[in-house]
Amino acid sequence: MERLILIETSTALCSVALCEHGHIIAYRESDAMKAHASLTAAFVDEILKEKGLSLKDCDAVCVSMGPGSYTGLRVGVSTAKGLCFGAGLPLLAVGTLDTLVAQAFTQETLECSKSDGTKVMIPVGNFSHIVPMIDARRMEVYTGVFSRSTPWQGSGQDLGRPLQERQGTGFFQTTETEPLIVTPESFREHLAEGPVLFIGDGAGKCADVIKNENAFFLQCCPQASSMATPATEAFRKKEFRDVAYFEPFYLKEFTATVSKKKLF
């Protein structure tokens, strides 16, 4: 049985989870501002104590590799590396966009918003494409398109099973992960093919720009609990990262700003 520590700090939400054989058994999260550095390691300690476990009882640590917040990713990766070095555990990494796609499948039916603000309930199996979006700045997002490999042919019961076990629901990334300034023309060809789910902390702001009856928006942050399936899959495939040299996928270079506070 794989026992994995999952760390997600790529956005404003700081979350940590413990999973066994792909199932979450302990979870902590906080959206407190600028608290990732103080909470991440503390959350790991809490979930292990909750289950009466130590680091040595775990098989690997999985961290969100980005894209996302520069500072958040640095905190998550640094914490994960420290845990791995200290306990001699292997390191795994899951892309933030992959986590958001997996997150879409945690419920059978999703409550989404239309571009006019109307709330609707739509089965996750109805979407032809899923577009995870990480907020960057203004109308820019970090994104990529995930498309279904085969037409949906399953039943509603299939949606309650782990992602890798569901027949006909496999989504694969079909465009490059990139920073994108969203315009009314964005994703027009995908929207012409059927319902599209825009999910992530950058999805909500795009509702005012993407006006299409096939566009559905779910504003949320990626959660460590949603990393369980891709992390377990990576562990079974032994897709381990170099603990010494692994770096987050920033996508864009960090730009420092000059503080306006007077020091003297």
C-alpha atoms as a PDB file:
ATOM      1  CA  MET A   1       0.000   0.000   0.000  1.00  0.00           C
ATOM      2  CA  GLU A   2       1.403   3.364  -1.052  1.00  0.00           C
ATOM      3  CA  ARG A   3       1.330   6.023   1.655  1.00  0.00           C
ATOM      4  CA  LEU A   4       2.084   9.460   0.204  1.00  0.00           C
ATOM      5  CA  ILE A   5       2.355  12.975   1.616  1.00  0.00           C
ATOM      6  CA  LEU A   6       0.801  15.488  -0.804  1.00  0.00           C
ATOM      7  CA  ILE A   7       1.728  19.195  -0.785  1.00  0.00           C
ATOM      8  CA  GLU A   8      -0.099  21.868  -2.830  1.00  0.00           C
ATOM      9  CA  THR A   9       1.070  25.495  -2.457  1.00  0.00           C
ATOM     10  CA  SER A  10       0.885  26.843  -6.011  1.00  0.00           C
ATOM     11  CA  THR A  11      -1.906  29.374  -5.333  1.00  0.00           C
ATOM     12  CA  ALA A  12      -3.413  31.311  -2.415  1.00  0.00           C
ATOM     13  CA  LEU A  13      -4.602  28.052  -0.842  1.00  0.00           C
ATOM     14  CA  CYS A  14      -2.056  26.091   1.189  1.00  0.00           C
ATOM     15  CA  SER A  15      -3.045  22.442   1.546  1.00  0.00           C
ATOM     16  CA  VAL A  16      -1.475  19.178   2.641  1.00  0.00           C
ATOM     17  CA  ALA A  17      -2.922  15.664   2.508  1.00  0.00           C
ATOM     18  CA  LEU A  18      -2.014  12.101   3.378  1.00  0.00           C
ATOM     19  CA  CYS A  19      -3.201   9.353   1.062  1.00  0.00           C
ATOM     20  CA  GLU A  20      -3.088   5.573   1.197  1.00  0.00           C
ATOM     21  CA  HIS A  21      -3.594   3.541  -1.964  1.00  0.00           C
ATOM     22  CA  GLY A  22      -5.022   6.605  -3.701  1.00  0.00           C
ATOM     23  CA  HIS A  23      -7.488   7.493  -0.919  1.00  0.00           C
ATOM     24  CA  ILE A  24      -7.228  10.587   1.302  1.00  0.00           C
ATOM     25  CA  ILE A  25      -7.050   9.750   5.006  1.00  0.00           C
ATOM     26  CA  ALA A  26      -6.039  13.151   6.438  1.00  0.00           C
ATOM     27  CA  TYR A  27      -6.205  16.711   5.141  1.00  0.00           C
ATOM     28  CA  ARG A  28      -5.391  20.289   6.156  1.00  0.00           C
ATOM     29  CA  GLU A  29      -5.840  23.567   4.285  1.00  0.00           C
ATOM     30  CA  SER A  30      -5.716  27.320   4.854  1.00  0.00           C
ATOM     31  CA  ASP A  31      -6.261  30.367   2.670  1.00  0.00           C
ATOM     32  CA  ALA A  32      -4.595  32.729   5.138  1.00  0.00           C
ATOM     33  CA  MET A  33      -2.533  35.297   3.259  1.00  0.00           C
ATOM     34  CA  LYS A  34       1.239  34.785   3.090  1.00  0.00           C
ATOM     35  CA  ALA A  35       1.073  31.847   5.496  1.00  0.00           C
ATOM     36  CA  HIS A  36       2.432  29.074   3.279  1.00  0.00           C
ATOM     37  CA  ALA A  37       5.908  29.203   4.827  1.00  0.00           C
ATOM     38  CA  SER A  38       4.588  28.880   8.373  1.00  0.00           C
ATOM     39  CA  LEU A  39       1.805  26.368   7.710  1.00  0.00           C
ATOM     40  CA  THR A  40       3.076  23.805   5.195  1.00  0.00           C
ATOM     41  CA  ALA A  41       5.492  21.889   7.427  1.00  0.00           C
ATOM     42  CA  ALA A  42       3.132  22.299  10.411  1.00  0.00           C
ATOM     43  CA  PHE A  43       0.289  20.727   8.426  1.00  0.00           C
ATOM     44  CA  VAL A  44       2.488  17.761   7.512  1.00  0.00           C
ATOM     45  CA  ASP A  45       3.315  17.259  11.182  1.00  0.00           C
ATOM     46  CA  GLU A  46      -0.374  17.492  12.132  1.00  0.00           C
ATOM     47  CA  ILE A  47      -1.680  14.921   9.646  1.00  0.00           C
ATOM     48  CA  LEU A  48       1.046  12.434  10.572  1.00  0.00           C
ATOM     49  CA  LYS A  49       0.337  12.809  14.300  1.00  0.00           C
ATOM     50  CA  GLU A  50      -3.395  12.503  13.606  1.00  0.00           C
ATOM     51  CA  LYS A  51      -2.788   9.032  12.157  1.00  0.00           C
ATOM     52  CA  GLY A  52      -0.082   8.057  14.633  1.00  0.00           C
ATOM     53  CA  LEU A  53       2.559   7.930  11.904  1.00  0.00           C
ATOM     54  CA  SER A  54       6.050   9.284  11.277  1.00  0.00           C
ATOM     55  CA  LEU A  55       7.810  10.279   8.074  1.00  0.00           C
ATOM     56  CA  LYS A  56       9.517   6.885   8.044  1.00  0.00           C
ATOM     57  CA  ASP A  57       6.075   5.268   7.700  1.00  0.00           C
ATOM     58  CA  CYS A  58       5.514   7.025   4.365  1.00  0.00           C
ATOM     59  CA  ASP A  59       6.661   5.903   0.920  1.00  0.00           C
ATOM     60  CA  ALA A  60       7.141   9.251  -0.857  1.00  0.00           C
ATOM     61  CA  VAL A  61       6.414  12.973  -0.834  1.00  0.00           C
ATOM     62  CA  CYS A  62       4.584  14.547  -3.781  1.00  0.00           C
ATOM     63  CA  VAL A  63       4.598  18.294  -4.393  1.00  0.00           C
ATOM     64  CA  SER A  64       2.850  20.559  -6.862  1.00  0.00           C
ATOM     65  CA  MET A  65       5.403  21.468  -9.523  1.00  0.00           C
ATOM     66  CA  GLY A  66       3.538  24.438 -11.002  1.00  0.00           C
ATOM     67  CA  PRO A  67       2.841  26.612 -12.801  1.00  0.00           C
ATOM     68  CA  GLY A  68       1.659  29.000 -10.138  1.00  0.00           C
ATOM     69  CA  SER A  69       2.852  31.487  -7.562  1.00  0.00           C
ATOM     70  CA  TYR A  70       6.643  31.784  -7.497  1.00  0.00           C
ATOM     71  CA  THR A  71       6.784  32.106  -3.717  1.00  0.00           C
ATOM     72  CA  GLY A  72       4.184  29.407  -3.118  1.00  0.00           C
ATOM     73  CA  LEU A  73       5.979  26.918  -5.333  1.00  0.00           C
ATOM     74  CA  ARG A  74       9.316  27.652  -3.660  1.00  0.00           C
ATOM     75  CA  VAL A  75       7.811  27.005  -0.230  1.00  0.00           C
ATOM     76  CA  GLY A  76       6.189  23.748  -1.302  1.00  0.00           C
ATOM     77  CA  VAL A  77       9.233  22.368  -3.089  1.00  0.00           C
ATOM     78  CA  SER A  78      11.619  23.405  -0.310  1.00  0.00           C
ATOM     79  CA  THR A  79       9.416  21.718   2.293  1.00  0.00           C
ATOM     80  CA  ALA A  80       9.085  18.554   0.196  1.00  0.00           C
ATOM     81  CA  LYS A  81      12.841  18.370  -0.368  1.00  0.00           C
ATOM     82  CA  GLY A  82      13.517  18.818   3.339  1.00  0.00           C
ATOM     83  CA  LEU A  83      11.144  15.973   4.197  1.00  0.00           C
ATOM     84  CA  CYS A  84      12.700  13.722   1.565  1.00  0.00           C
ATOM     85  CA  PHE A  85      16.273  14.467   2.668  1.00  0.00           C
ATOM     86  CA  GLY A  86      15.445  14.001   6.325  1.00  0.00           C
ATOM     87  CA  ALA A  87      13.608  10.684   5.969  1.00  0.00           C
ATOM     88  CA  GLY A  88      15.289   9.309   2.864  1.00  0.00           C
ATOM     89  CA  LEU A  89      12.035   9.343   0.887  1.00  0.00           C
ATOM     90  CA  PRO A  90      11.690   9.660  -2.903  1.00  0.00           C
ATOM     91  CA  LEU A  91      10.259  12.854  -4.393  1.00  0.00           C
ATOM     92  CA  LEU A  92       7.296  13.007  -6.773  1.00  0.00           C
ATOM     93  CA  ALA A  93       5.844  16.036  -8.562  1.00  0.00           C
ATOM     94  CA  VAL A  94       2.449  16.677 -10.156  1.00  0.00           C
ATOM     95  CA  GLY A  95       1.607  19.566 -12.474  1.00  0.00           C
ATOM     96  CA  THR A  96      -0.896  22.086 -11.149  1.00  0.00           C
ATOM     97  CA  LEU A  97      -3.009  21.787 -14.286  1.00  0.00           C
ATOM     98  CA  ASP A  98      -3.173  17.999 -13.861  1.00  0.00           C
ATOM     99  CA  THR A  99      -4.355  18.488 -10.278  1.00  0.00           C
ATOM    100  CA  LEU A 100      -7.177  20.772 -11.397  1.00  0.00           C
ATOM    101  CA  VAL A 101      -8.305  18.276 -14.042  1.00  0.00           C
ATOM    102  CA  ALA A 102      -8.347  15.524 -11.416  1.00  0.00           C
ATOM    103  CA  GLN A 103     -10.221  17.890  -9.104  1.00  0.00           C
ATOM    104  CA  ALA A 104     -13.021  18.190 -11.643  1.00  0.00           C
ATOM    105  CA  PHE A 105     -13.688  14.475 -11.202  1.00  0.00           C
ATOM    106  CA  THR A 106     -14.010  14.501  -7.419  1.00  0.00           C
ATOM    107  CA  GLN A 107     -17.760  15.034  -7.807  1.00  0.00           C
ATOM    108  CA  GLU A 108     -20.283  13.406 -10.116  1.00  0.00           C
ATOM    109  CA  THR A 109     -21.983  16.714 -10.876  1.00  0.00           C
ATOM    110  CA  LEU A 110     -20.383  20.158 -10.746  1.00  0.00           C
ATOM    111  CA  GLU A 111     -22.005  23.476  -9.848  1.00  0.00           C
ATOM    112  CA  CYS A 112     -20.660  25.858 -12.485  1.00  0.00           C
ATOM    113  CA  SER A 113     -21.350  29.414 -13.583  1.00  0.00           C
ATOM    114  CA  LYS A 114     -22.305  30.543 -17.043  1.00  0.00           C
ATOM    115  CA  SER A 115     -20.860  33.748 -18.498  1.00  0.00           C
ATOM    116  CA  ASP A 116     -24.060  35.587 -17.477  1.00  0.00           C
ATOM    117  CA  GLY A 117     -23.595  34.519 -13.868  1.00  0.00           C
ATOM    118  CA  THR A 118     -26.287  31.830 -13.911  1.00  0.00           C
ATOM    119  CA  LYS A 119     -25.501  28.814 -11.709  1.00  0.00           C
ATOM    120  CA  VAL A 120     -26.042  25.403 -13.292  1.00  0.00           C
ATOM    121  CA  MET A 121     -25.447  21.785 -12.292  1.00  0.00           C
ATOM    122  CA  ILE A 122     -23.749  19.772 -15.027  1.00  0.00           C
ATOM    123  CA  PRO A 123     -22.419  16.191 -14.998  1.00  0.00           C
ATOM    124  CA  VAL A 124     -18.641  16.151 -15.372  1.00  0.00           C
ATOM    125  CA  GLY A 125     -19.017  13.548 -18.100  1.00  0.00           C
ATOM    126  CA  ASN A 126     -20.706  16.105 -20.352  1.00  0.00           C
ATOM    127  CA  PHE A 127     -17.560  18.131 -20.990  1.00  0.00           C
ATOM    128  CA  SER A 128     -15.620  17.649 -24.204  1.00  0.00           C
ATOM    129  CA  HIS A 129     -12.652  19.707 -22.964  1.00  0.00           C
ATOM    130  CA  ILE A 130     -11.333  20.843 -19.580  1.00  0.00           C
ATOM    131  CA  VAL A 131      -9.266  24.031 -19.438  1.00  0.00           C
ATOM    132  CA  PRO A 132      -7.502  24.494 -16.065  1.00  0.00           C
ATOM    133  CA  MET A 133      -6.515  28.100 -15.383  1.00  0.00           C
ATOM    134  CA  ILE A 134      -4.049  29.465 -12.838  1.00  0.00           C
ATOM    135  CA  ASP A 135      -4.391  33.195 -12.230  1.00  0.00           C
ATOM    136  CA  ALA A 136      -1.336  35.160 -13.361  1.00  0.00           C
ATOM    137  CA  ARG A 137      -2.177  38.865 -13.581  1.00  0.00           C
ATOM    138  CA  ARG A 138      -4.897  41.020 -15.094  1.00  0.00           C
ATOM    139  CA  MET A 139      -6.396  38.900 -17.904  1.00  0.00           C
ATOM    140  CA  GLU A 140      -3.443  36.516 -18.085  1.00  0.00           C
ATOM    141  CA  VAL A 141      -3.617  32.889 -16.968  1.00  0.00           C
ATOM    142  CA  TYR A 142      -1.362  29.837 -17.031  1.00  0.00           C
ATOM    143  CA  THR A 143      -3.308  27.249 -18.951  1.00  0.00           C
ATOM    144  CA  GLY A 144      -3.465  24.296 -21.315  1.00  0.00           C
ATOM    145  CA  VAL A 145      -6.304  22.332 -22.908  1.00  0.00           C
ATOM    146  CA  PHE A 146      -7.146  18.781 -21.815  1.00  0.00           C
ATOM    147  CA  SER A 147      -9.323  16.797 -24.212  1.00  0.00           C
ATOM    148  CA  ARG A 148     -11.177  13.537 -23.931  1.00  0.00           C
ATOM    149  CA  SER A 149      -9.475  10.601 -25.605  1.00  0.00           C
ATOM    150  CA  THR A 150     -12.739   8.863 -26.537  1.00  0.00           C
ATOM    151  CA  PRO A 151     -16.412   9.905 -26.564  1.00  0.00           C
ATOM    152  CA  TRP A 152     -18.193   9.540 -23.228  1.00  0.00           C
ATOM    153  CA  GLN A 153     -19.925   6.142 -23.099  1.00  0.00           C
ATOM    154  CA  GLY A 154     -20.009   5.434 -19.385  1.00  0.00           C
ATOM    155  CA  SER A 155     -22.790   5.546 -16.835  1.00  0.00           C
ATOM    156  CA  GLY A 156     -23.227   7.945 -13.959  1.00  0.00           C
ATOM    157  CA  GLN A 157     -21.850   5.328 -11.577  1.00  0.00           C
ATOM    158  CA  ASP A 158     -18.499   5.388 -13.391  1.00  0.00           C
ATOM    159  CA  LEU A 159     -17.902   8.950 -12.202  1.00  0.00           C
ATOM    160  CA  GLY A 160     -17.536   7.880  -8.582  1.00  0.00           C
ATOM    161  CA  ARG A 161     -14.530   5.664  -9.269  1.00  0.00           C
ATOM    162  CA  PRO A 162     -10.851   6.708  -9.348  1.00  0.00           C
ATOM    163  CA  LEU A 163      -9.900   8.582 -12.510  1.00  0.00           C
ATOM    164  CA  GLN A 164      -7.554   5.916 -13.867  1.00  0.00           C
ATOM    165  CA  GLU A 165     -10.268   3.249 -13.537  1.00  0.00           C
ATOM    166  CA  ARG A 166     -13.062   5.081 -15.368  1.00  0.00           C
ATOM    167  CA  GLN A 167     -13.639   3.901 -18.908  1.00  0.00           C
ATOM    168  CA  GLY A 168     -14.009   6.659 -21.506  1.00  0.00           C
ATOM    169  CA  THR A 169     -13.212   9.558 -19.164  1.00  0.00           C
ATOM    170  CA  GLY A 170      -9.486   9.902 -19.736  1.00  0.00           C
ATOM    171  CA  PHE A 171      -8.485  13.507 -20.459  1.00  0.00           C
ATOM    172  CA  PHE A 172      -5.077  14.179 -21.963  1.00  0.00           C
ATOM    173  CA  GLN A 173      -3.318  17.512 -22.405  1.00  0.00           C
ATOM    174  CA  THR A 174      -3.537  18.467 -26.063  1.00  0.00           C
ATOM    175  CA  THR A 175      -1.983  21.942 -26.039  1.00  0.00           C
ATOM    176  CA  GLU A 176       1.209  23.268 -24.504  1.00  0.00           C
ATOM    177  CA  THR A 177       1.106  24.803 -21.029  1.00  0.00           C
ATOM    178  CA  GLU A 178       1.505  28.527 -21.599  1.00  0.00           C
ATOM    179  CA  PRO A 179       0.829  31.997 -20.229  1.00  0.00           C
ATOM    180  CA  LEU A 180      -2.201  33.302 -22.124  1.00  0.00           C
ATOM    181  CA  ILE A 181      -3.941  36.657 -22.222  1.00  0.00           C
ATOM    182  CA  VAL A 182      -7.617  35.718 -22.496  1.00  0.00           C
ATOM    183  CA  THR A 183      -9.672  37.455 -25.190  1.00  0.00           C
ATOM    184  CA  PRO A 184     -13.190  36.875 -26.605  1.00  0.00           C
ATOM    185  CA  GLU A 185     -11.575  34.697 -29.290  1.00  0.00           C
ATOM    186  CA  SER A 186      -9.758  32.395 -26.860  1.00  0.00           C
ATOM    187  CA  PHE A 187     -10.703  28.681 -27.089  1.00  0.00           C
ATOM    188  CA  ARG A 188     -13.294  29.382 -29.785  1.00  0.00           C
ATOM    189  CA  GLU A 189     -12.465  26.165 -31.683  1.00  0.00           C
ATOM    190  CA  HIS A 190     -12.807  24.055 -28.528  1.00  0.00           C
ATOM    191  CA  LEU A 191     -16.094  25.694 -27.565  1.00  0.00           C
ATOM    192  CA  ALA A 192     -17.452  24.887 -31.032  1.00  0.00           C
ATOM    193  CA  GLU A 193     -16.967  21.170 -30.278  1.00  0.00           C
ATOM    194  CA  GLY A 194     -19.104  21.040 -27.129  1.00  0.00           C
ATOM    195  CA  PRO A 195     -19.258  22.040 -23.438  1.00  0.00           C
ATOM    196  CA  VAL A 196     -15.938  23.246 -22.001  1.00  0.00           C
ATOM    197  CA  LEU A 197     -15.112  23.450 -18.296  1.00  0.00           C
ATOM    198  CA  PHE A 198     -12.832  26.320 -17.255  1.00  0.00           C
ATOM    199  CA  ILE A 199     -11.579  25.467 -13.757  1.00  0.00           C
ATOM    200  CA  GLY A 200      -9.106  27.101 -11.366  1.00  0.00           C
ATOM    201  CA  ASP A 201      -8.445  30.346  -9.551  1.00  0.00           C
ATOM    202  CA  GLY A 202      -8.144  32.101 -12.925  1.00  0.00           C
ATOM    203  CA  ALA A 203     -11.436  30.815 -14.325  1.00  0.00           C
ATOM    204  CA  GLY A 204     -13.827  33.291 -12.734  1.00  0.00           C
ATOM    205  CA  LYS A 205     -12.312  36.406 -14.247  1.00  0.00           C
ATOM    206  CA  CYS A 206     -12.606  34.924 -17.741  1.00  0.00           C
ATOM    207  CA  ALA A 207     -16.404  34.641 -17.548  1.00  0.00           C
ATOM    208  CA  ASP A 208     -16.762  38.329 -18.454  1.00  0.00           C
ATOM    209  CA  VAL A 209     -14.662  37.823 -21.580  1.00  0.00           C
ATOM    210  CA  ILE A 210     -15.550  34.375 -22.934  1.00  0.00           C
ATOM    211  CA  LYS A 211     -19.216  34.653 -23.919  1.00  0.00           C
ATOM    212  CA  ASN A 212     -20.367  31.293 -25.217  1.00  0.00           C
ATOM    213  CA  GLU A 213     -23.234  28.950 -24.384  1.00  0.00           C
ATOM    214  CA  ASN A 214     -20.765  26.055 -24.153  1.00  0.00           C
ATOM    215  CA  ALA A 215     -18.537  27.805 -21.592  1.00  0.00           C
ATOM    216  CA  PHE A 216     -18.831  26.757 -17.930  1.00  0.00           C
ATOM    217  CA  PHE A 217     -16.701  28.256 -15.152  1.00  0.00           C
ATOM    218  CA  LEU A 218     -15.651  26.801 -11.795  1.00  0.00           C
ATOM    219  CA  GLN A 219     -13.628  29.181  -9.631  1.00  0.00           C
ATOM    220  CA  CYS A 220     -11.456  27.227  -7.197  1.00  0.00           C
ATOM    221  CA  CYS A 221      -7.882  26.656  -6.045  1.00  0.00           C
ATOM    222  CA  PRO A 222      -6.086  23.356  -6.600  1.00  0.00           C
ATOM    223  CA  GLN A 223      -6.186  21.147  -3.499  1.00  0.00           C
ATOM    224  CA  ALA A 224      -3.679  18.603  -2.225  1.00  0.00           C
ATOM    225  CA  SER A 225      -6.508  16.075  -1.880  1.00  0.00           C
ATOM    226  CA  SER A 226      -6.959  16.158  -5.666  1.00  0.00           C
ATOM    227  CA  MET A 227      -3.335  15.104  -6.177  1.00  0.00           C
ATOM    228  CA  ALA A 228      -4.035  11.589  -4.877  1.00  0.00           C
ATOM    229  CA  THR A 229      -4.752   9.921  -8.223  1.00  0.00           C
ATOM    230  CA  PRO A 230      -1.940  11.456 -10.323  1.00  0.00           C
ATOM    231  CA  ALA A 231       0.544  11.122  -7.431  1.00  0.00           C
ATOM    232  CA  THR A 232      -0.279   7.449  -6.869  1.00  0.00           C
ATOM    233  CA  GLU A 233      -0.005   6.819 -10.596  1.00  0.00           C
ATOM    234  CA  ALA A 234       3.412   8.524 -10.695  1.00  0.00           C
ATOM    235  CA  PHE A 235       4.580   6.483  -7.691  1.00  0.00           C
ATOM    236  CA  ARG A 236       3.570   3.211  -9.310  1.00  0.00           C
ATOM    237  CA  LYS A 237       5.428   4.197 -12.465  1.00  0.00           C
ATOM    238  CA  LYS A 238       8.453   5.161 -10.334  1.00  0.00           C
ATOM    239  CA  GLU A 239       8.542   8.654 -11.806  1.00  0.00           C
ATOM    240  CA  PHE A 240      10.795   9.971  -9.055  1.00  0.00           C
ATOM    241  CA  ARG A 241      12.512  13.370  -9.199  1.00  0.00           C
ATOM    242  CA  ASP A 242      16.067  14.266  -8.265  1.00  0.00           C
ATOM    243  CA  VAL A 243      15.750  15.612  -4.722  1.00  0.00           C
ATOM    244  CA  ALA A 244      18.893  17.727  -5.045  1.00  0.00           C
ATOM    245  CA  TYR A 245      18.238  19.328  -8.419  1.00  0.00           C
ATOM    246  CA  PHE A 246      14.464  19.389  -8.939  1.00  0.00           C
ATOM    247  CA  GLU A 247      13.054  22.866  -9.611  1.00  0.00           C
ATOM    248  CA  PRO A 248       9.416  23.990  -9.908  1.00  0.00           C
ATOM    249  CA  PHE A 249       7.884  24.738 -13.307  1.00  0.00           C
ATOM    250  CA  TYR A 250       7.606  28.510 -13.002  1.00  0.00           C
ATOM    251  CA  LEU A 251       6.709  29.023 -16.692  1.00  0.00           C
ATOM    252  CA  LYS A 252       7.723  32.682 -16.402  1.00  0.00           C
ATOM    253  CA  GLU A 253      10.724  34.278 -14.740  1.00  0.00           C
ATOM    254  CA  PHE A 254      10.216  35.878 -11.346  1.00  0.00           C
ATOM    255  CA  THR A 255      10.019  39.672 -11.441  1.00  0.00           C
ATOM    256  CA  ALA A 256      10.948  41.453  -8.237  1.00  0.00           C
ATOM    257  CA  THR A 257       9.260  44.721  -7.325  1.00  0.00           C
ATOM    258  CA  VAL A 258      10.637  47.633  -5.339  1.00  0.00           C
ATOM    259  CA  SER A 259       8.995  48.094  -1.953  1.00  0.00           C
ATOM    260  CA  LYS A 260       7.280  51.433  -1.410  1.00  0.00           C
ATOM    261  CA  LYS A 261       7.779  51.234   2.349  1.00  0.00           C
ATOM    262  CA  LYS A 262      10.249  53.674   3.856  1.00  0.00           C
ATOM    263  CA  LEU A 263      12.927  51.910   5.883  1.00  0.00           C
ATOM    264  CA  PHE A 264      14.206  55.042   7.584  1.00  0.00           C
END
